[in-house]
């Protein structure tokens, strides 16, 4: 299992630091905690020798995702 942390700052009303982690596909199995909704990472999300798939697993926070921007929004 591998992990690499990073931080970013989001801004709505006030700037807020948000911590993130890059995890290997075996991470959720390693921790032994199933996803509350959906699934955790799986090996096909990051096949050996290939670029990882653009997937994300969110932690349980007091935020509501209200939208996802289209691909053309960069």
C-alpha atoms as a PDB file:
ATOM      1  CA  UNK A   1       0.000   0.000   0.000  1.00  0.00           C
ATOM      2  CA  UNK A   2       1.364   3.391  -0.938  1.00  0.00           C
ATOM      3  CA  UNK A   3       0.263   6.897  -0.014  1.00  0.00           C
ATOM      4  CA  UNK A   4       1.294  10.430  -0.885  1.00  0.00           C
ATOM      5  CA  UNK A   5      -0.349  13.424   0.800  1.00  0.00           C
ATOM      6  CA  UNK A   6      -0.935  16.892  -0.609  1.00  0.00           C
ATOM      7  CA  UNK A   7      -2.719  20.083   0.416  1.00  0.00           C
ATOM      8  CA  UNK A   8      -4.770  22.575  -1.546  1.00  0.00           C
ATOM      9  CA  UNK A   9      -6.749  25.679  -0.716  1.00  0.00           C
ATOM     10  CA  UNK A  10     -10.377  26.158  -1.716  1.00  0.00           C
ATOM     11  CA  UNK A  11     -12.196  29.456  -1.599  1.00  0.00           C
ATOM     12  CA  UNK A  12     -15.893  30.142  -1.214  1.00  0.00           C
ATOM     13  CA  UNK A  13     -16.409  32.802   1.436  1.00  0.00           C
ATOM     14  CA  UNK A  14     -13.048  32.332   3.153  1.00  0.00           C
ATOM     15  CA  UNK A  15      -9.994  30.323   2.051  1.00  0.00           C
ATOM     16  CA  UNK A  16      -9.934  26.828   3.526  1.00  0.00           C
ATOM     17  CA  UNK A  17      -7.081  24.323   3.468  1.00  0.00           C
ATOM     18  CA  UNK A  18      -8.082  20.855   2.291  1.00  0.00           C
ATOM     19  CA  UNK A  19      -5.864  17.806   2.747  1.00  0.00           C
ATOM     20  CA  UNK A  20      -5.775  15.078   0.112  1.00  0.00           C
ATOM     21  CA  UNK A  21      -4.020  11.762  -0.418  1.00  0.00           C
ATOM     22  CA  UNK A  22      -2.994   9.757  -3.426  1.00  0.00           C
ATOM     23  CA  UNK A  23      -3.498   6.074  -2.558  1.00  0.00           C
ATOM     24  CA  UNK A  24      -2.684   2.807  -4.261  1.00  0.00           C
ATOM     25  CA  UNK A  25      -5.668   0.665  -5.314  1.00  0.00           C
ATOM     26  CA  UNK A  26      -5.126  -1.711  -2.397  1.00  0.00           C
ATOM     27  CA  UNK A  27      -5.566   1.044   0.210  1.00  0.00           C
ATOM     28  CA  UNK A  28      -9.203   0.424   1.134  1.00  0.00           C
ATOM     29  CA  UNK A  29      -8.570  -3.318   1.424  1.00  0.00           C
ATOM     30  CA  UNK A  30      -5.490  -2.593   3.530  1.00  0.00           C
ATOM     31  CA  UNK A  31      -7.454  -0.386   5.953  1.00  0.00           C
ATOM     32  CA  UNK A  32     -10.346  -2.868   6.087  1.00  0.00           C
ATOM     33  CA  UNK A  33     -13.027  -0.171   5.922  1.00  0.00           C
ATOM     34  CA  UNK A  34     -15.677  -0.541   3.199  1.00  0.00           C
ATOM     35  CA  UNK A  35     -17.118   2.506   1.472  1.00  0.00           C
ATOM     36  CA  UNK A  36     -20.310   3.910   2.983  1.00  0.00           C
ATOM     37  CA  UNK A  37     -21.605   4.670  -0.527  1.00  0.00           C
ATOM     38  CA  UNK A  38     -20.202   3.285  -3.763  1.00  0.00           C
ATOM     39  CA  UNK A  39     -16.818   1.542  -3.591  1.00  0.00           C
ATOM     40  CA  UNK A  40     -13.212   2.042  -2.664  1.00  0.00           C
ATOM     41  CA  UNK A  41     -10.275   1.902  -5.024  1.00  0.00           C
ATOM     42  CA  UNK A  42      -9.701  -1.329  -6.952  1.00  0.00           C
ATOM     43  CA  UNK A  43      -6.692  -2.604  -8.957  1.00  0.00           C
ATOM     44  CA  UNK A  44      -8.269  -1.712 -12.317  1.00  0.00           C
ATOM     45  CA  UNK A  45      -8.277   1.945 -11.222  1.00  0.00           C
ATOM     46  CA  UNK A  46      -4.474   1.959 -11.580  1.00  0.00           C
ATOM     47  CA  UNK A  47      -3.244  -0.910 -13.780  1.00  0.00           C
ATOM     48  CA  UNK A  48       0.484  -1.593 -13.424  1.00  0.00           C
ATOM     49  CA  UNK A  49       2.492   0.206 -16.099  1.00  0.00           C
ATOM     50  CA  UNK A  50      -0.435   2.418 -17.166  1.00  0.00           C
ATOM     51  CA  UNK A  51      -1.736   5.809 -16.146  1.00  0.00           C
ATOM     52  CA  UNK A  52      -4.228   5.664 -13.286  1.00  0.00           C
ATOM     53  CA  UNK A  53      -7.911   6.221 -14.016  1.00  0.00           C
ATOM     54  CA  UNK A  54      -9.328   9.643 -13.003  1.00  0.00           C
ATOM     55  CA  UNK A  55     -11.228   8.384  -9.947  1.00  0.00           C
ATOM     56  CA  UNK A  56     -11.702   9.799  -6.459  1.00  0.00           C
ATOM     57  CA  UNK A  57     -12.952   8.513  -3.103  1.00  0.00           C
ATOM     58  CA  UNK A  58     -14.251  11.207  -0.754  1.00  0.00           C
ATOM     59  CA  UNK A  59     -14.034  11.159   3.018  1.00  0.00           C
ATOM     60  CA  UNK A  60     -17.140  11.723   5.120  1.00  0.00           C
ATOM     61  CA  UNK A  61     -17.251  15.485   5.716  1.00  0.00           C
ATOM     62  CA  UNK A  62     -19.983  17.993   6.365  1.00  0.00           C
ATOM     63  CA  UNK A  63     -20.150  19.162   2.743  1.00  0.00           C
ATOM     64  CA  UNK A  64     -22.689  18.494   0.012  1.00  0.00           C
ATOM     65  CA  UNK A  65     -21.505  18.103  -3.576  1.00  0.00           C
ATOM     66  CA  UNK A  66     -23.864  20.348  -5.498  1.00  0.00           C
ATOM     67  CA  UNK A  67     -22.474  19.953  -8.995  1.00  0.00           C
ATOM     68  CA  UNK A  68     -19.787  18.634 -11.300  1.00  0.00           C
ATOM     69  CA  UNK A  69     -18.501  20.849 -14.097  1.00  0.00           C
ATOM     70  CA  UNK A  70     -18.340  19.549 -17.702  1.00  0.00           C
ATOM     71  CA  UNK A  71     -15.094  18.309 -19.239  1.00  0.00           C
ATOM     72  CA  UNK A  72     -14.597  21.528 -21.204  1.00  0.00           C
ATOM     73  CA  UNK A  73     -14.349  23.502 -17.916  1.00  0.00           C
ATOM     74  CA  UNK A  74     -10.655  23.440 -16.989  1.00  0.00           C
END
